Amino acid sequence: MTSLLPDNFTFTQSSLQTFVNCKYQFYLRYIEHFLWPAPATNDMLAFERDRSAGARFHQLVHQLLLGIPAESLVRSAENDPDARVCRWFELFRKSIYPRLSGELYPEYSLTVGLGGFSLSAKYDLLQVDAEHLTIYDWKTSRKKPARAWLEAQLQSKVFPLVLAEEYKPVSYTHLRAHETVLDLVCRLLLEKKKNTNFNTCSTFRPHEDNNKTSEYTNA
């Protein structure tokens, strides 16, 4: 499979997670470029509504963090065809937004080199406050993700790894015998995790009417 990857292929948490979950699915999606398989759901219309509503919520938060007046964004949220978007945005403005300080980088992308390959991450929000870096990720799924599940996902490893790599380059080993480039990237993620103190990752659940984020630290 290694030889089938284009020379300029950039790994992401999504492509790596696909590889870990199912190598054949990775082959179809990222090498053959098939839109397969369909999402595992019994109601595709509801799935598309949820995904579209989540995207619009992300856009509102992005615009708010860029400095667009909240009043106009509130009106947009109130006129959204899905009432959940207005509720999510209101909760975000009241719970998370007032607590954000320092330099804020919404929808921020970074790409770094890893063992001779490129690894990219796009953050919903990167907060730089004094010497601390905090990664925020907005979750709008109907079911609250379990903490253990979040920590096990490659997103929770890739995001802080890319950030750490951007500020402190690290040398890596070459391919092991019988190891593909995908195996290498996944292995390096785990090795890097053991040797790097990652920053706190925070997730915001707009479904929850409280003033807390779910926080966990990869260490």
N, C-alpha and C. Protein backbone atom coordinates (compact mmCIF):
# COMPACT_ATOMS: atom_id res chain seq x y z
N MET A 1 0.82 -1.21 0.00
CA MET A 1 0.00 0.00 0.00
C MET A 1 0.86 1.27 0.00
N THR A 2 2.08 1.16 0.57
CA THR A 2 2.95 2.33 0.67
C THR A 2 3.21 2.93 -0.70
N SER A 3 3.53 2.08 -1.70
CA SER A 3 3.88 2.56 -3.03
C SER A 3 2.69 3.20 -3.74
N LEU A 4 1.47 2.95 -3.27
CA LEU A 4 0.28 3.50 -3.92
C LEU A 4 -0.03 4.92 -3.47
N LEU A 5 0.54 5.33 -2.36
CA LEU A 5 0.29 6.68 -1.87
C LEU A 5 0.99 7.71 -2.75
N PRO A 6 0.33 8.80 -3.07
CA PRO A 6 1.00 9.86 -3.84
C PRO A 6 2.15 10.46 -3.04
N ASP A 7 3.14 10.99 -3.76
CA ASP A 7 4.34 11.52 -3.11
C ASP A 7 4.01 12.66 -2.15
N ASN A 8 3.00 13.44 -2.46
CA ASN A 8 2.67 14.60 -1.63
C ASN A 8 1.53 14.32 -0.65
N PHE A 9 1.29 13.04 -0.34
CA PHE A 9 0.18 12.69 0.54
C PHE A 9 0.42 13.25 1.94
N THR A 10 -0.60 13.88 2.50
CA THR A 10 -0.53 14.43 3.85
C THR A 10 -1.46 13.65 4.77
N PHE A 11 -0.90 13.10 5.82
CA PHE A 11 -1.70 12.35 6.78
C PHE A 11 -2.46 13.31 7.68
N THR A 12 -3.65 12.88 8.09
CA THR A 12 -4.46 13.63 9.05
C THR A 12 -4.97 12.65 10.10
N GLN A 13 -5.56 13.20 11.16
CA GLN A 13 -6.13 12.31 12.17
C GLN A 13 -7.22 11.44 11.57
N SER A 14 -7.97 11.99 10.61
CA SER A 14 -9.06 11.24 9.99
C SER A 14 -8.55 10.08 9.16
N SER A 15 -7.54 10.33 8.33
CA SER A 15 -7.01 9.26 7.49
C SER A 15 -6.32 8.19 8.33
N LEU A 16 -5.61 8.60 9.38
CA LEU A 16 -4.95 7.62 10.24
C LEU A 16 -5.96 6.80 11.03
N GLN A 17 -7.03 7.46 11.50
CA GLN A 17 -8.07 6.73 12.22
C GLN A 17 -8.74 5.71 11.31
N THR A 18 -8.94 6.10 10.06
CA THR A 18 -9.52 5.17 9.08
C THR A 18 -8.61 3.97 8.89
N PHE A 19 -7.32 4.21 8.79
CA PHE A 19 -6.36 3.12 8.62
C PHE A 19 -6.37 2.17 9.80
N VAL A 20 -6.42 2.74 11.00
CA VAL A 20 -6.45 1.90 12.21
C VAL A 20 -7.74 1.09 12.28
N ASN A 21 -8.85 1.72 11.92
CA ASN A 21 -10.15 1.03 11.99
C ASN A 21 -10.29 -0.04 10.92
N CYS A 22 -9.85 0.29 9.70
CA CYS A 22 -10.03 -0.66 8.59
C CYS A 22 -9.08 -0.27 7.45
N LYS A 23 -8.07 -1.08 7.23
CA LYS A 23 -7.08 -0.78 6.19
C LYS A 23 -7.72 -0.79 4.80
N TYR A 24 -8.69 -1.66 4.59
CA TYR A 24 -9.34 -1.73 3.28
C TYR A 24 -10.14 -0.46 3.02
N GLN A 25 -10.79 0.04 4.05
CA GLN A 25 -11.54 1.29 3.91
C GLN A 25 -10.58 2.44 3.58
N PHE A 26 -9.41 2.44 4.22
CA PHE A 26 -8.40 3.46 3.90
C PHE A 26 -8.02 3.38 2.43
N TYR A 27 -7.80 2.16 1.95
CA TYR A 27 -7.41 1.96 0.55
C TYR A 27 -8.48 2.52 -0.38
N LEU A 28 -9.73 2.19 -0.12
CA LEU A 28 -10.81 2.65 -1.00
C LEU A 28 -10.98 4.17 -0.95
N ARG A 29 -10.87 4.73 0.25
CA ARG A 29 -11.18 6.14 0.40
C ARG A 29 -10.03 7.04 -0.02
N TYR A 30 -8.80 6.70 0.38
CA TYR A 30 -7.69 7.62 0.17
C TYR A 30 -6.80 7.27 -1.01
N ILE A 31 -6.91 6.07 -1.53
CA ILE A 31 -6.12 5.69 -2.69
C ILE A 31 -7.00 5.58 -3.93
N GLU A 32 -8.13 4.89 -3.81
CA GLU A 32 -9.07 4.78 -4.93
C GLU A 32 -10.06 5.94 -4.97
N HIS A 33 -10.13 6.72 -3.85
CA HIS A 33 -11.01 7.90 -3.76
C HIS A 33 -12.49 7.55 -3.93
N PHE A 34 -12.88 6.41 -3.34
CA PHE A 34 -14.29 6.04 -3.30
C PHE A 34 -14.93 6.64 -2.05
N LEU A 35 -16.16 7.10 -2.16
CA LEU A 35 -16.90 7.56 -0.98
C LEU A 35 -17.56 6.34 -0.35
N TRP A 36 -16.76 5.55 0.34
CA TRP A 36 -17.23 4.29 0.90
C TRP A 36 -16.56 4.06 2.24
N PRO A 37 -17.22 3.40 3.19
CA PRO A 37 -18.63 3.03 3.12
C PRO A 37 -19.50 4.20 3.55
N ALA A 38 -20.80 4.07 3.39
CA ALA A 38 -21.71 5.09 3.87
C ALA A 38 -21.69 5.10 5.40
N PRO A 39 -22.01 6.23 6.02
CA PRO A 39 -22.03 6.28 7.48
C PRO A 39 -22.93 5.20 8.07
N ALA A 40 -22.50 4.64 9.17
CA ALA A 40 -23.27 3.58 9.82
C ALA A 40 -24.44 4.20 10.59
N THR A 41 -25.54 4.38 9.89
CA THR A 41 -26.71 4.98 10.52
C THR A 41 -27.97 4.45 9.86
N ASN A 42 -29.05 4.41 10.62
CA ASN A 42 -30.33 3.94 10.08
C ASN A 42 -31.13 5.06 9.44
N ASP A 43 -30.73 6.28 9.69
CA ASP A 43 -31.49 7.43 9.18
C ASP A 43 -30.51 8.43 8.55
N MET A 44 -30.31 8.30 7.25
CA MET A 44 -29.35 9.17 6.57
C MET A 44 -29.80 10.63 6.58
N LEU A 45 -31.10 10.88 6.49
CA LEU A 45 -31.58 12.25 6.51
C LEU A 45 -31.25 12.92 7.85
N ALA A 46 -31.47 12.20 8.94
CA ALA A 46 -31.14 12.74 10.26
C ALA A 46 -29.64 12.95 10.40
N PHE A 47 -28.87 12.03 9.86
CA PHE A 47 -27.41 12.14 9.90
C PHE A 47 -26.96 13.40 9.17
N GLU A 48 -27.51 13.65 7.98
CA GLU A 48 -27.14 14.83 7.22
C GLU A 48 -27.59 16.11 7.91
N ARG A 49 -28.76 16.08 8.54
CA ARG A 49 -29.23 17.25 9.28
C ARG A 49 -28.28 17.57 10.44
N ASP A 50 -27.88 16.53 11.16
CA ASP A 50 -26.97 16.72 12.29
C ASP A 50 -25.63 17.28 11.83
N ARG A 51 -25.11 16.71 10.75
CA ARG A 51 -23.81 17.15 10.25
C ARG A 51 -23.87 18.60 9.76
N SER A 52 -24.96 18.94 9.06
CA SER A 52 -25.11 20.30 8.56
C SER A 52 -25.28 21.30 9.70
N ALA A 53 -26.05 20.93 10.71
CA ALA A 53 -26.23 21.82 11.86
C ALA A 53 -24.92 22.02 12.60
N GLY A 54 -24.15 20.96 12.76
CA GLY A 54 -22.85 21.07 13.41
C GLY A 54 -21.91 21.99 12.64
N ALA A 55 -21.94 21.92 11.30
CA ALA A 55 -21.09 22.77 10.48
C ALA A 55 -21.48 24.24 10.64
N ARG A 56 -22.78 24.51 10.70
CA ARG A 56 -23.22 25.90 10.85
C ARG A 56 -22.87 26.44 12.24
N PHE A 57 -22.93 25.59 13.25
CA PHE A 57 -22.51 26.01 14.59
C PHE A 57 -21.01 26.35 14.59
N HIS A 58 -20.20 25.50 13.97
CA HIS A 58 -18.77 25.77 13.87
C HIS A 58 -18.51 27.10 13.18
N GLN A 59 -19.28 27.39 12.13
CA GLN A 59 -19.10 28.64 11.40
C GLN A 59 -19.43 29.85 12.26
N LEU A 60 -20.50 29.76 13.03
CA LEU A 60 -20.88 30.86 13.91
C LEU A 60 -19.80 31.13 14.95
N VAL A 61 -19.28 30.07 15.55
CA VAL A 61 -18.22 30.22 16.55
C VAL A 61 -16.97 30.83 15.91
N HIS A 62 -16.64 30.35 14.72
CA HIS A 62 -15.48 30.89 14.01
C HIS A 62 -15.63 32.38 13.78
N GLN A 63 -16.81 32.80 13.32
CA GLN A 63 -17.05 34.22 13.05
C GLN A 63 -17.00 35.04 14.33
N LEU A 64 -17.53 34.50 15.41
CA LEU A 64 -17.50 35.21 16.69
C LEU A 64 -16.06 35.42 17.14
N LEU A 65 -15.24 34.39 17.01
CA LEU A 65 -13.85 34.49 17.45
C LEU A 65 -13.01 35.39 16.54
N LEU A 66 -13.49 35.61 15.31
CA LEU A 66 -12.80 36.53 14.41
C LEU A 66 -13.18 37.98 14.68
N GLY A 67 -14.17 38.19 15.55
CA GLY A 67 -14.53 39.55 15.93
C GLY A 67 -15.79 40.09 15.28
N ILE A 68 -16.52 39.26 14.56
CA ILE A 68 -17.78 39.72 14.00
C ILE A 68 -18.76 39.99 15.15
N PRO A 69 -19.47 41.11 15.12
CA PRO A 69 -20.37 41.47 16.24
C PRO A 69 -21.32 40.34 16.60
N ALA A 70 -21.42 40.06 17.90
CA ALA A 70 -22.24 38.96 18.37
C ALA A 70 -23.71 39.15 18.02
N GLU A 71 -24.16 40.41 17.98
CA GLU A 71 -25.57 40.66 17.73
C GLU A 71 -26.02 40.11 16.38
N SER A 72 -25.22 40.33 15.35
CA SER A 72 -25.58 39.84 14.02
C SER A 72 -25.53 38.32 13.96
N LEU A 73 -24.57 37.73 14.69
CA LEU A 73 -24.46 36.27 14.70
C LEU A 73 -25.61 35.64 15.47
N VAL A 74 -26.06 36.31 16.53
CA VAL A 74 -27.21 35.82 17.29
C VAL A 74 -28.44 35.81 16.41
N ARG A 75 -28.61 36.85 15.61
CA ARG A 75 -29.75 36.89 14.69
C ARG A 75 -29.68 35.75 13.67
N SER A 76 -28.49 35.48 13.19
CA SER A 76 -28.31 34.37 12.25
C SER A 76 -28.67 33.05 12.91
N ALA A 77 -28.23 32.89 14.16
CA ALA A 77 -28.52 31.65 14.89
C ALA A 77 -30.02 31.51 15.14
N GLU A 78 -30.67 32.62 15.47
CA GLU A 78 -32.11 32.58 15.73
C GLU A 78 -32.90 32.23 14.48
N ASN A 79 -32.36 32.58 13.32
CA ASN A 79 -33.04 32.30 12.06
C ASN A 79 -32.61 30.97 11.44
N ASP A 80 -31.75 30.25 12.13
CA ASP A 80 -31.30 28.97 11.58
C ASP A 80 -32.47 27.99 11.51
N PRO A 81 -32.56 27.19 10.45
CA PRO A 81 -33.67 26.25 10.32
C PRO A 81 -33.67 25.16 11.38
N ASP A 82 -32.55 24.95 12.06
CA ASP A 82 -32.47 23.96 13.12
C ASP A 82 -32.33 24.69 14.46
N ALA A 83 -33.33 24.57 15.31
CA ALA A 83 -33.34 25.30 16.58
C ALA A 83 -32.16 24.96 17.47
N ARG A 84 -31.56 23.80 17.27
CA ARG A 84 -30.43 23.40 18.09
C ARG A 84 -29.24 24.34 17.92
N VAL A 85 -29.06 24.85 16.71
CA VAL A 85 -27.91 25.72 16.44
C VAL A 85 -27.98 26.97 17.31
N CYS A 86 -29.15 27.56 17.42
CA CYS A 86 -29.31 28.75 18.27
C CYS A 86 -29.02 28.40 19.73
N ARG A 87 -29.52 27.26 20.19
CA ARG A 87 -29.28 26.85 21.57
C ARG A 87 -27.80 26.58 21.83
N TRP A 88 -27.14 25.91 20.91
CA TRP A 88 -25.71 25.63 21.06
C TRP A 88 -24.90 26.92 21.11
N PHE A 89 -25.23 27.83 20.21
CA PHE A 89 -24.46 29.08 20.13
C PHE A 89 -24.66 29.92 21.38
N GLU A 90 -25.88 29.93 21.90
CA GLU A 90 -26.15 30.68 23.13
C GLU A 90 -25.37 30.10 24.30
N LEU A 91 -25.32 28.79 24.40
CA LEU A 91 -24.56 28.15 25.47
C LEU A 91 -23.07 28.44 25.33
N PHE A 92 -22.57 28.43 24.10
CA PHE A 92 -21.16 28.73 23.89
C PHE A 92 -20.84 30.15 24.32
N ARG A 93 -21.68 31.10 23.94
CA ARG A 93 -21.42 32.51 24.28
C ARG A 93 -21.43 32.73 25.79
N LYS A 94 -22.27 31.98 26.50
CA LYS A 94 -22.40 32.20 27.94
C LYS A 94 -21.40 31.40 28.76
N SER A 95 -20.97 30.26 28.26
CA SER A 95 -20.14 29.38 29.08
C SER A 95 -18.66 29.44 28.72
N ILE A 96 -18.32 29.29 27.45
CA ILE A 96 -16.92 29.21 27.05
C ILE A 96 -16.34 30.56 26.67
N TYR A 97 -17.04 31.29 25.85
CA TYR A 97 -16.51 32.52 25.27
C TYR A 97 -15.99 33.52 26.31
N PRO A 98 -16.72 33.77 27.40
CA PRO A 98 -16.23 34.76 28.37
C PRO A 98 -14.93 34.33 29.05
N ARG A 99 -14.60 33.06 29.03
CA ARG A 99 -13.42 32.57 29.73
C ARG A 99 -12.19 32.50 28.84
N LEU A 100 -12.34 32.80 27.56
CA LEU A 100 -11.21 32.72 26.64
C LEU A 100 -10.34 33.98 26.77
N SER A 101 -9.05 33.79 26.90
CA SER A 101 -8.12 34.90 27.01
C SER A 101 -6.88 34.59 26.19
N GLY A 102 -5.97 35.56 26.14
CA GLY A 102 -4.75 35.35 25.38
C GLY A 102 -5.00 35.47 23.88
N GLU A 103 -4.10 34.89 23.09
CA GLU A 103 -4.24 34.92 21.64
C GLU A 103 -5.09 33.72 21.20
N LEU A 104 -6.06 33.98 20.34
CA LEU A 104 -6.98 32.95 19.88
C LEU A 104 -6.83 32.73 18.38
N TYR A 105 -6.71 31.47 18.00
CA TYR A 105 -6.55 31.11 16.59
C TYR A 105 -7.63 30.10 16.21
N PRO A 106 -8.78 30.59 15.73
CA PRO A 106 -9.85 29.67 15.35
C PRO A 106 -9.60 29.05 13.98
N GLU A 107 -10.07 27.82 13.82
CA GLU A 107 -9.93 27.09 12.55
C GLU A 107 -8.48 27.18 12.06
N TYR A 108 -7.57 26.82 12.95
CA TYR A 108 -6.14 27.00 12.70
C TYR A 108 -5.52 25.68 12.23
N SER A 109 -4.78 25.75 11.13
CA SER A 109 -4.18 24.54 10.55
C SER A 109 -2.67 24.56 10.69
N LEU A 110 -2.10 23.40 10.99
CA LEU A 110 -0.65 23.23 11.06
C LEU A 110 -0.28 21.94 10.33
N THR A 111 0.83 21.97 9.63
CA THR A 111 1.35 20.78 8.99
C THR A 111 2.83 20.66 9.34
N VAL A 112 3.23 19.48 9.81
CA VAL A 112 4.62 19.27 10.22
C VAL A 112 5.17 18.03 9.54
N GLY A 113 6.49 17.90 9.58
CA GLY A 113 7.13 16.70 9.07
C GLY A 113 7.24 15.66 10.16
N LEU A 114 7.01 14.42 9.79
CA LEU A 114 7.08 13.33 10.77
C LEU A 114 7.71 12.12 10.09
N GLY A 115 8.96 11.84 10.42
CA GLY A 115 9.63 10.69 9.83
C GLY A 115 9.72 10.75 8.32
N GLY A 116 9.82 11.95 7.78
CA GLY A 116 9.88 12.10 6.34
C GLY A 116 8.54 12.26 5.65
N PHE A 117 7.45 12.27 6.42
CA PHE A 117 6.11 12.41 5.88
C PHE A 117 5.43 13.64 6.48
N SER A 118 4.34 14.04 5.88
CA SER A 118 3.61 15.22 6.35
C SER A 118 2.40 14.81 7.18
N LEU A 119 2.20 15.51 8.28
CA LEU A 119 1.07 15.27 9.15
C LEU A 119 0.40 16.61 9.43
N SER A 120 -0.91 16.67 9.20
CA SER A 120 -1.64 17.93 9.31
C SER A 120 -2.73 17.84 10.36
N ALA A 121 -2.99 18.97 11.00
CA ALA A 121 -4.07 19.06 11.99
C ALA A 121 -4.77 20.39 11.82
N LYS A 122 -6.09 20.38 11.93
CA LYS A 122 -6.87 21.62 11.89
C LYS A 122 -7.64 21.73 13.19
N TYR A 123 -7.35 22.79 13.96
CA TYR A 123 -7.93 22.96 15.28
C TYR A 123 -9.16 23.86 15.21
N ASP A 124 -10.22 23.47 15.92
CA ASP A 124 -11.37 24.37 16.03
C ASP A 124 -10.95 25.68 16.69
N LEU A 125 -10.11 25.55 17.71
CA LEU A 125 -9.56 26.74 18.36
C LEU A 125 -8.26 26.38 19.06
N LEU A 126 -7.25 27.20 18.83
CA LEU A 126 -5.98 27.09 19.54
C LEU A 126 -5.82 28.35 20.38
N GLN A 127 -5.69 28.16 21.69
CA GLN A 127 -5.56 29.29 22.61
C GLN A 127 -4.13 29.35 23.13
N VAL A 128 -3.50 30.52 22.98
CA VAL A 128 -2.14 30.73 23.47
C VAL A 128 -2.23 31.76 24.58
N ASP A 129 -2.00 31.33 25.80
CA ASP A 129 -2.12 32.20 26.97
C ASP A 129 -0.85 32.06 27.80
N ALA A 130 -0.03 33.11 27.81
CA ALA A 130 1.26 33.08 28.49
C ALA A 130 2.08 31.92 27.93
N GLU A 131 2.42 30.91 28.76
CA GLU A 131 3.21 29.78 28.29
C GLU A 131 2.36 28.55 28.03
N HIS A 132 1.05 28.71 28.06
CA HIS A 132 0.16 27.57 27.92
C HIS A 132 -0.51 27.57 26.54
N LEU A 133 -0.64 26.39 25.99
CA LEU A 133 -1.35 26.19 24.73
C LEU A 133 -2.51 25.24 25.01
N THR A 134 -3.70 25.66 24.64
CA THR A 134 -4.88 24.82 24.87
C THR A 134 -5.59 24.57 23.55
N ILE A 135 -5.91 23.30 23.31
CA ILE A 135 -6.63 22.91 22.10
C ILE A 135 -8.10 22.72 22.45
N TYR A 136 -8.97 23.38 21.68
CA TYR A 136 -10.41 23.22 21.86
C TYR A 136 -11.00 22.52 20.65
N ASP A 137 -11.96 21.67 20.92
CA ASP A 137 -12.65 20.96 19.84
C ASP A 137 -14.14 20.95 20.16
N TRP A 138 -14.97 21.42 19.22
CA TRP A 138 -16.41 21.48 19.44
C TRP A 138 -17.06 20.18 18.99
N LYS A 139 -17.81 19.55 19.89
CA LYS A 139 -18.49 18.29 19.60
C LYS A 139 -20.00 18.53 19.59
N THR A 140 -20.65 18.18 18.48
CA THR A 140 -22.09 18.39 18.38
C THR A 140 -22.85 17.09 18.13
N SER A 141 -22.21 15.96 18.38
CA SER A 141 -22.89 14.68 18.20
C SER A 141 -24.01 14.54 19.24
N ARG A 142 -25.00 13.75 18.90
CA ARG A 142 -26.15 13.59 19.81
C ARG A 142 -25.75 12.89 21.11
N LYS A 143 -24.82 11.97 21.01
CA LYS A 143 -24.39 11.20 22.17
C LYS A 143 -23.06 11.74 22.70
N LYS A 144 -22.99 11.97 23.99
CA LYS A 144 -21.77 12.47 24.60
C LYS A 144 -20.67 11.41 24.52
N PRO A 145 -19.53 11.76 23.91
CA PRO A 145 -18.43 10.79 23.82
C PRO A 145 -17.86 10.49 25.20
N ALA A 146 -17.57 9.23 25.44
CA ALA A 146 -16.96 8.85 26.71
C ALA A 146 -15.52 9.35 26.76
N ARG A 147 -15.06 9.69 27.93
CA ARG A 147 -13.70 10.20 28.10
C ARG A 147 -12.68 9.20 27.56
N ALA A 148 -12.87 7.92 27.89
CA ALA A 148 -11.93 6.89 27.43
C ALA A 148 -11.91 6.81 25.91
N TRP A 149 -13.08 6.96 25.30
CA TRP A 149 -13.16 6.92 23.84
C TRP A 149 -12.41 8.10 23.23
N LEU A 150 -12.60 9.30 23.79
CA LEU A 150 -11.91 10.47 23.29
C LEU A 150 -10.40 10.31 23.39
N GLU A 151 -9.93 9.81 24.51
CA GLU A 151 -8.50 9.65 24.71
C GLU A 151 -7.91 8.61 23.76
N ALA A 152 -8.72 7.63 23.36
CA ALA A 152 -8.23 6.57 22.48
C ALA A 152 -8.21 6.98 21.01
N GLN A 153 -8.94 8.03 20.67
CA GLN A 153 -9.00 8.45 19.27
C GLN A 153 -7.70 9.10 18.83
N LEU A 154 -7.34 8.87 17.56
CA LEU A 154 -6.09 9.44 17.06
C LEU A 154 -6.12 10.96 17.02
N GLN A 155 -7.30 11.55 16.95
CA GLN A 155 -7.38 13.01 17.01
C GLN A 155 -6.74 13.53 18.29
N SER A 156 -6.96 12.82 19.40
CA SER A 156 -6.42 13.24 20.69
C SER A 156 -4.91 13.04 20.78
N LYS A 157 -4.34 12.31 19.84
CA LYS A 157 -2.89 12.12 19.79
C LYS A 157 -2.27 13.01 18.71
N VAL A 158 -2.94 13.09 17.56
CA VAL A 158 -2.39 13.86 16.45
C VAL A 158 -2.37 15.35 16.76
N PHE A 159 -3.45 15.88 17.31
CA PHE A 159 -3.54 17.33 17.52
C PHE A 159 -2.43 17.86 18.43
N PRO A 160 -2.25 17.29 19.63
CA PRO A 160 -1.16 17.80 20.47
C PRO A 160 0.21 17.46 19.91
N LEU A 161 0.34 16.34 19.20
CA LEU A 161 1.62 15.97 18.61
C LEU A 161 2.06 16.99 17.58
N VAL A 162 1.17 17.36 16.68
CA VAL A 162 1.50 18.35 15.65
C VAL A 162 1.89 19.67 16.30
N LEU A 163 1.17 20.05 17.34
CA LEU A 163 1.47 21.30 18.03
C LEU A 163 2.85 21.23 18.69
N ALA A 164 3.15 20.11 19.35
CA ALA A 164 4.45 19.94 20.00
C ALA A 164 5.57 19.90 18.96
N GLU A 165 5.31 19.25 17.84
CA GLU A 165 6.31 19.14 16.79
C GLU A 165 6.61 20.50 16.16
N GLU A 166 5.60 21.33 16.08
CA GLU A 166 5.78 22.66 15.48
C GLU A 166 6.74 23.50 16.31
N TYR A 167 6.74 23.30 17.63
CA TYR A 167 7.56 24.11 18.51
C TYR A 167 8.84 23.43 18.95
N LYS A 168 8.90 22.10 18.81
CA LYS A 168 10.10 21.37 19.25
C LYS A 168 10.30 20.17 18.35
N PRO A 169 11.07 20.33 17.26
CA PRO A 169 11.29 19.22 16.33
C PRO A 169 11.96 18.04 17.01
N VAL A 170 11.59 16.86 16.58
CA VAL A 170 12.12 15.62 17.16
C VAL A 170 12.57 14.71 16.02
N SER A 171 13.67 14.02 16.20
CA SER A 171 14.14 13.07 15.19
C SER A 171 13.43 11.74 15.36
N TYR A 172 13.17 11.06 14.24
CA TYR A 172 12.46 9.79 14.28
C TYR A 172 13.24 8.72 13.54
N THR A 173 12.90 7.48 13.84
CA THR A 173 13.56 6.35 13.21
C THR A 173 12.97 6.08 11.84
N HIS A 174 13.59 5.19 11.08
CA HIS A 174 13.11 4.83 9.76
C HIS A 174 12.15 3.65 9.85
N LEU A 175 11.65 3.25 8.72
CA LEU A 175 10.74 2.10 8.66
C LEU A 175 11.41 0.85 9.21
N ARG A 176 10.65 0.10 9.97
CA ARG A 176 11.11 -1.21 10.41
C ARG A 176 10.83 -2.23 9.33
N ALA A 177 11.45 -3.40 9.46
CA ALA A 177 11.23 -4.45 8.48
C ALA A 177 9.74 -4.80 8.40
N HIS A 178 9.24 -4.93 7.19
CA HIS A 178 7.84 -5.31 6.92
C HIS A 178 6.85 -4.24 7.42
N GLU A 179 7.30 -3.02 7.66
CA GLU A 179 6.44 -1.97 8.16
C GLU A 179 6.08 -1.02 7.03
N THR A 180 4.81 -0.72 6.87
CA THR A 180 4.39 0.23 5.87
C THR A 180 4.51 1.65 6.41
N VAL A 181 4.42 2.63 5.54
CA VAL A 181 4.48 4.02 5.98
C VAL A 181 3.35 4.32 6.96
N LEU A 182 2.19 3.71 6.76
CA LEU A 182 1.06 3.96 7.66
C LEU A 182 1.35 3.37 9.04
N ASP A 183 1.95 2.16 9.06
CA ASP A 183 2.34 1.57 10.35
C ASP A 183 3.34 2.47 11.05
N LEU A 184 4.27 3.02 10.27
CA LEU A 184 5.30 3.88 10.84
C LEU A 184 4.69 5.11 11.50
N VAL A 185 3.81 5.79 10.77
CA VAL A 185 3.21 7.01 11.32
C VAL A 185 2.44 6.72 12.59
N CYS A 186 1.67 5.63 12.60
CA CYS A 186 0.92 5.27 13.80
C CYS A 186 1.86 4.92 14.96
N ARG A 187 2.96 4.24 14.65
CA ARG A 187 3.91 3.87 15.70
C ARG A 187 4.60 5.11 16.25
N LEU A 188 4.99 6.03 15.36
CA LEU A 188 5.65 7.24 15.81
C LEU A 188 4.75 8.09 16.69
N LEU A 189 3.46 8.07 16.40
CA LEU A 189 2.51 8.79 17.24
C LEU A 189 2.56 8.25 18.67
N LEU A 190 2.59 6.92 18.79
CA LEU A 190 2.61 6.30 20.11
C LEU A 190 3.94 6.56 20.81
N GLU A 191 5.06 6.48 20.07
CA GLU A 191 6.36 6.71 20.67
C GLU A 191 6.50 8.16 21.11
N LYS A 192 6.01 9.08 20.27
CA LYS A 192 6.07 10.49 20.61
C LYS A 192 5.23 10.78 21.84
N LYS A 193 4.09 10.10 21.96
CA LYS A 193 3.20 10.30 23.09
C LYS A 193 3.90 9.95 24.40
N LYS A 194 4.76 8.93 24.37
CA LYS A 194 5.44 8.51 25.58
C LYS A 194 6.50 9.51 26.03
N ASN A 195 7.02 10.32 25.08
CA ASN A 195 8.14 11.19 25.37
C ASN A 195 7.80 12.67 25.37
N THR A 196 6.53 13.01 25.25
CA THR A 196 6.14 14.41 25.17
C THR A 196 5.02 14.70 26.15
N ASN A 197 5.15 15.79 26.88
CA ASN A 197 4.07 16.25 27.75
C ASN A 197 3.15 17.14 26.93
N PHE A 198 2.02 16.60 26.56
CA PHE A 198 1.09 17.34 25.72
C PHE A 198 0.28 18.31 26.55
N ASN A 199 -0.29 19.26 25.85
CA ASN A 199 -1.14 20.26 26.49
C ASN A 199 -2.53 19.72 26.73
N THR A 200 -3.25 20.42 27.57
CA THR A 200 -4.61 20.02 27.86
C THR A 200 -5.50 20.21 26.64
N CYS A 201 -6.32 19.21 26.36
CA CYS A 201 -7.29 19.29 25.27
C CYS A 201 -8.67 19.48 25.89
N SER A 202 -9.44 20.39 25.34
CA SER A 202 -10.76 20.66 25.87
C SER A 202 -11.81 20.44 24.79
N THR A 203 -12.90 19.83 25.18
CA THR A 203 -14.02 19.67 24.26
C THR A 203 -15.22 20.40 24.82
N PHE A 204 -15.96 21.06 23.95
CA PHE A 204 -17.17 21.77 24.37
C PHE A 204 -18.37 21.02 23.83
N ARG A 205 -19.29 20.67 24.73
CA ARG A 205 -20.51 19.97 24.36
C ARG A 205 -21.67 20.95 24.44
N PRO A 206 -22.11 21.52 23.29
CA PRO A 206 -23.17 22.51 23.34
C PRO A 206 -24.51 21.96 23.80
N HIS A 207 -24.66 20.64 23.86
CA HIS A 207 -25.91 20.06 24.33
C HIS A 207 -26.08 20.23 25.84
N GLU A 208 -24.96 20.45 26.54
CA GLU A 208 -24.99 20.43 28.00
C GLU A 208 -25.12 21.85 28.54
N ASP A 209 -26.13 22.07 29.31
CA ASP A 209 -26.39 23.39 29.87
C ASP A 209 -25.59 23.57 31.15
N ASN A 210 -24.28 23.78 30.97
CA ASN A 210 -23.42 24.01 32.13
C ASN A 210 -22.27 24.89 31.70
N ASN A 211 -21.42 25.20 32.62
CA ASN A 211 -20.30 26.09 32.33
C ASN A 211 -18.97 25.35 32.35
N LYS A 212 -18.99 24.10 31.96
CA LYS A 212 -17.79 23.30 32.00
C LYS A 212 -17.45 22.72 30.63
N THR A 213 -16.18 22.53 30.40
CA THR A 213 -15.73 21.78 29.25
C THR A 213 -15.20 20.47 29.78
N SER A 214 -15.14 19.48 28.90
CA SER A 214 -14.52 18.21 29.27
C SER A 214 -13.04 18.32 28.96
N GLU A 215 -12.21 18.17 29.96
CA GLU A 215 -10.77 18.35 29.77
C GLU A 215 -10.04 17.06 30.11
N TYR A 216 -8.98 16.83 29.33
CA TYR A 216 -8.12 15.69 29.60
C TYR A 216 -6.74 16.03 29.07
N THR A 217 -5.73 15.45 29.66
CA THR A 217 -4.35 15.74 29.26
C THR A 217 -3.68 14.47 28.79
N ASN A 218 -3.11 14.53 27.60
CA ASN A 218 -2.30 13.44 27.10
C ASN A 218 -0.90 13.61 27.68
N ALA A 219 -0.45 12.62 28.42
CA ALA A 219 0.88 12.74 29.03
C ALA A 219 1.56 11.38 29.02
